Protein backbone atom coordinates (compact mmCIF):
# COMPACT_ATOMS: atom_id res chain seq x y z
CA UNK A 1 -0.80 -9.50 6.16
CA UNK A 2 -1.77 -6.11 7.58
CA UNK A 3 -1.61 -4.51 4.14
CA UNK A 4 -3.91 -7.19 2.74
CA UNK A 5 -6.41 -6.62 5.56
CA UNK A 6 -6.37 -2.86 4.98
CA UNK A 7 -7.00 -3.27 1.26
CA UNK A 8 -9.70 -5.86 1.99
CA UNK A 9 -11.42 -3.38 4.29
CA UNK A 10 -11.31 -0.80 1.49
CA UNK A 11 -13.19 -3.14 -0.84
CA UNK A 12 -15.70 -4.01 1.88
CA UNK A 13 -16.31 -0.28 2.32
CA UNK A 14 -16.69 0.11 -1.44
CA UNK A 15 -19.32 -2.63 -1.55
CA UNK A 16 -21.09 -1.10 1.44
CA UNK A 17 -21.06 2.29 -0.30
CA UNK A 18 -22.58 0.78 -3.43
CA UNK A 19 -25.27 -0.86 -1.30
CA UNK A 20 -26.03 2.50 0.32
CA UNK A 21 -26.27 4.17 -3.09
CA UNK A 22 -28.88 1.71 -4.26
CA UNK A 23 -30.87 2.00 -1.04
CA UNK A 24 -30.85 5.82 -1.19
CA UNK A 25 -31.81 5.77 -4.86
CA UNK A 26 -34.82 3.63 -3.94
CA UNK A 27 -35.99 6.27 -1.45
CA UNK A 28 -35.47 9.18 -3.85
CA UNK A 29 -33.06 11.17 -1.65
CA UNK A 30 -30.52 11.79 -4.41
CA UNK A 31 -29.03 14.99 -2.92
CA UNK A 32 -27.59 13.08 0.03
CA UNK A 33 -25.68 10.56 -2.08
CA UNK A 34 -22.65 12.63 -3.08
CA UNK A 35 -21.87 14.08 0.34
CA UNK A 36 -22.28 10.83 2.23
CA UNK A 37 -20.26 8.74 -0.22
CA UNK A 38 -17.51 11.35 -0.47
CA UNK A 39 -17.09 11.18 3.29
CA UNK A 40 -17.26 7.39 3.37
CA UNK A 41 -14.69 6.85 0.64
CA UNK A 42 -12.35 9.49 2.09
CA UNK A 43 -12.57 7.84 5.49
CA UNK A 44 -11.69 4.48 3.98
CA UNK A 45 -9.14 5.62 1.36
CA UNK A 46 -6.93 7.63 3.74
CA UNK A 47 -5.75 4.63 5.82
CA UNK A 48 -5.29 2.56 2.66
CA UNK A 49 -3.06 5.24 1.11
CA UNK A 50 -1.03 5.55 4.31
CA UNK A 51 -0.64 1.77 4.62
CA UNK A 52 0.51 1.38 1.02
CA UNK A 53 2.92 4.30 1.35
CA UNK A 54 4.35 2.95 4.61
CA UNK A 55 4.75 -0.54 3.17
CA UNK A 56 6.50 0.80 0.06
CA UNK A 57 8.90 2.90 2.17
CA UNK A 58 9.61 -0.07 4.46
CA UNK A 59 10.29 -2.37 1.50
CA UNK A 60 12.59 0.25 -0.03
CA UNK A 61 14.59 0.57 3.21
CA UNK A 62 14.90 -3.21 3.54
CA UNK A 63 16.05 -3.57 -0.07
CA UNK A 64 18.65 -0.81 0.33
CA UNK A 65 20.09 -2.61 3.36
CA UNK A 66 20.08 -5.92 1.50
CA UNK A 67 21.91 -4.38 -1.48
CA UNK A 68 24.48 -2.72 0.80
CA UNK A 69 25.23 -6.03 2.51
CA UNK A 70 25.53 -7.92 -0.78
CA UNK A 71 27.93 -5.41 -2.40
CA UNK A 72 30.89 -6.09 -0.12
CA UNK A 73 33.98 -6.02 -2.29
CA UNK A 74 37.10 -8.01 -1.60
CA UNK A 75 40.60 -6.60 -1.95
CA UNK A 76 42.46 -7.59 -5.12
CA UNK A 77 44.79 -10.56 -4.93
CA UNK A 78 48.41 -10.62 -6.18
CA UNK A 79 47.38 -10.69 -9.85
CA UNK A 80 45.21 -7.59 -9.50
CA UNK A 81 41.91 -9.45 -9.86
CA UNK A 82 39.25 -9.20 -7.21
CA UNK A 83 38.56 -12.34 -5.27
CA UNK A 84 35.08 -13.71 -4.94
CA UNK A 85 33.67 -13.93 -1.44
CA UNK A 86 31.30 -16.76 -2.39
């Protein structure tokens, strides 16, 4: 849920940035566009990158634990075959 909100905020910022571009282009102040938008998109993209990286690392750790718990092997029975734990 948090990851979805962070990504949603990124797209809201993108739309706001596009709106600002068109408003600045109407006034003729073209030199200000690149510096202001670079700052805006960096300010928005940094938390998105951190959130996606954190979520990926968290999912990886959870999946490793899940795989470790599911790979419990049983000792072989008298015939030498492994018994199923299911």
